[in-house]
């Protein structure tokens, strides 16, 4: 895009997505692999408490979508 603000915003958004993905991969997936029962709401609650800025940047819908992808694996 020619608009630097939009381009910058999308890179910030992309970075937030990567941070959330990394958090899910390093903190949530190991818990699930040890057999801890976690549903969508459990994980969303943990992410919201531990990474509120990511939730704010990405929006609840995006976070929920990414968490669902982890659950489906």
Protein backbone atom coordinates (compact mmCIF):
# COMPACT_ATOMS: atom_id res chain seq x y z
CA UNK A 1 0.00 0.00 0.00
CA UNK A 2 1.10 3.58 -0.57
CA UNK A 3 -0.15 4.72 2.81
CA UNK A 4 2.73 4.30 5.31
CA UNK A 5 0.34 4.36 8.28
CA UNK A 6 -1.59 1.40 6.89
CA UNK A 7 1.60 -0.43 5.96
CA UNK A 8 2.99 0.14 9.45
CA UNK A 9 -0.27 -0.93 11.03
CA UNK A 10 -0.27 -4.17 9.13
CA UNK A 11 3.31 -4.96 10.17
CA UNK A 12 2.38 -4.30 13.80
CA UNK A 13 -0.63 -6.56 13.33
CA UNK A 14 1.59 -9.22 11.75
CA UNK A 15 4.05 -9.00 14.63
CA UNK A 16 1.24 -9.32 17.18
CA UNK A 17 -0.02 -12.43 15.35
CA UNK A 18 3.47 -13.92 15.47
CA UNK A 19 3.78 -13.15 19.18
CA UNK A 20 0.43 -14.76 19.91
CA UNK A 21 1.31 -17.80 17.81
CA UNK A 22 4.60 -18.11 19.67
CA UNK A 23 2.84 -17.82 23.04
CA UNK A 24 0.31 -20.48 22.10
CA UNK A 25 3.05 -22.78 20.81
CA UNK A 26 5.35 -22.40 23.83
CA UNK A 27 2.86 -22.03 26.69
CA UNK A 28 -0.47 -23.56 25.71
CA UNK A 29 0.38 -26.53 23.49
CA UNK A 30 2.73 -28.12 26.08
CA UNK A 31 -0.05 -27.93 28.69
CA UNK A 32 -2.45 -29.61 26.30
CA UNK A 33 0.13 -32.28 25.42
CA UNK A 34 0.51 -33.20 29.09
CA UNK A 35 -3.20 -33.96 29.13
CA UNK A 36 -4.45 -30.82 30.85
CA UNK A 37 -8.05 -30.44 29.69
CA UNK A 38 -8.39 -27.01 28.11
CA UNK A 39 -11.24 -25.73 26.01
CA UNK A 40 -11.51 -22.57 23.95
CA UNK A 41 -12.67 -20.46 26.89
CA UNK A 42 -9.83 -21.68 29.15
CA UNK A 43 -7.22 -20.73 26.57
CA UNK A 44 -8.84 -17.40 25.71
CA UNK A 45 -8.92 -16.55 29.42
CA UNK A 46 -5.21 -17.34 29.80
CA UNK A 47 -4.26 -15.34 26.73
CA UNK A 48 -6.39 -12.37 27.82
CA UNK A 49 -4.79 -12.31 31.26
CA UNK A 50 -1.20 -12.93 30.19
CA UNK A 51 -1.15 -11.08 26.85
CA UNK A 52 -3.79 -8.32 27.08
CA UNK A 53 -1.95 -6.04 24.64
CA UNK A 54 -1.94 -8.73 21.96
CA UNK A 55 -5.67 -9.28 22.44
CA UNK A 56 -6.20 -5.54 22.21
CA UNK A 57 -4.07 -5.23 19.05
CA UNK A 58 -5.54 -8.23 17.26
CA UNK A 59 -9.10 -8.12 18.49
CA UNK A 60 -10.99 -10.90 20.20
CA UNK A 61 -12.19 -12.49 16.95
CA UNK A 62 -8.67 -12.88 15.56
CA UNK A 63 -7.37 -14.28 18.85
CA UNK A 64 -10.25 -16.75 19.03
CA UNK A 65 -9.57 -17.86 15.47
CA UNK A 66 -5.88 -18.46 16.20
CA UNK A 67 -6.68 -20.36 19.42
CA UNK A 68 -9.18 -22.52 17.51
CA UNK A 69 -6.43 -23.44 15.04
CA UNK A 70 -4.27 -24.65 17.95
CA UNK A 71 -7.16 -26.66 19.38
CA UNK A 72 -7.81 -28.30 16.00
CA UNK A 73 -4.24 -29.60 15.71
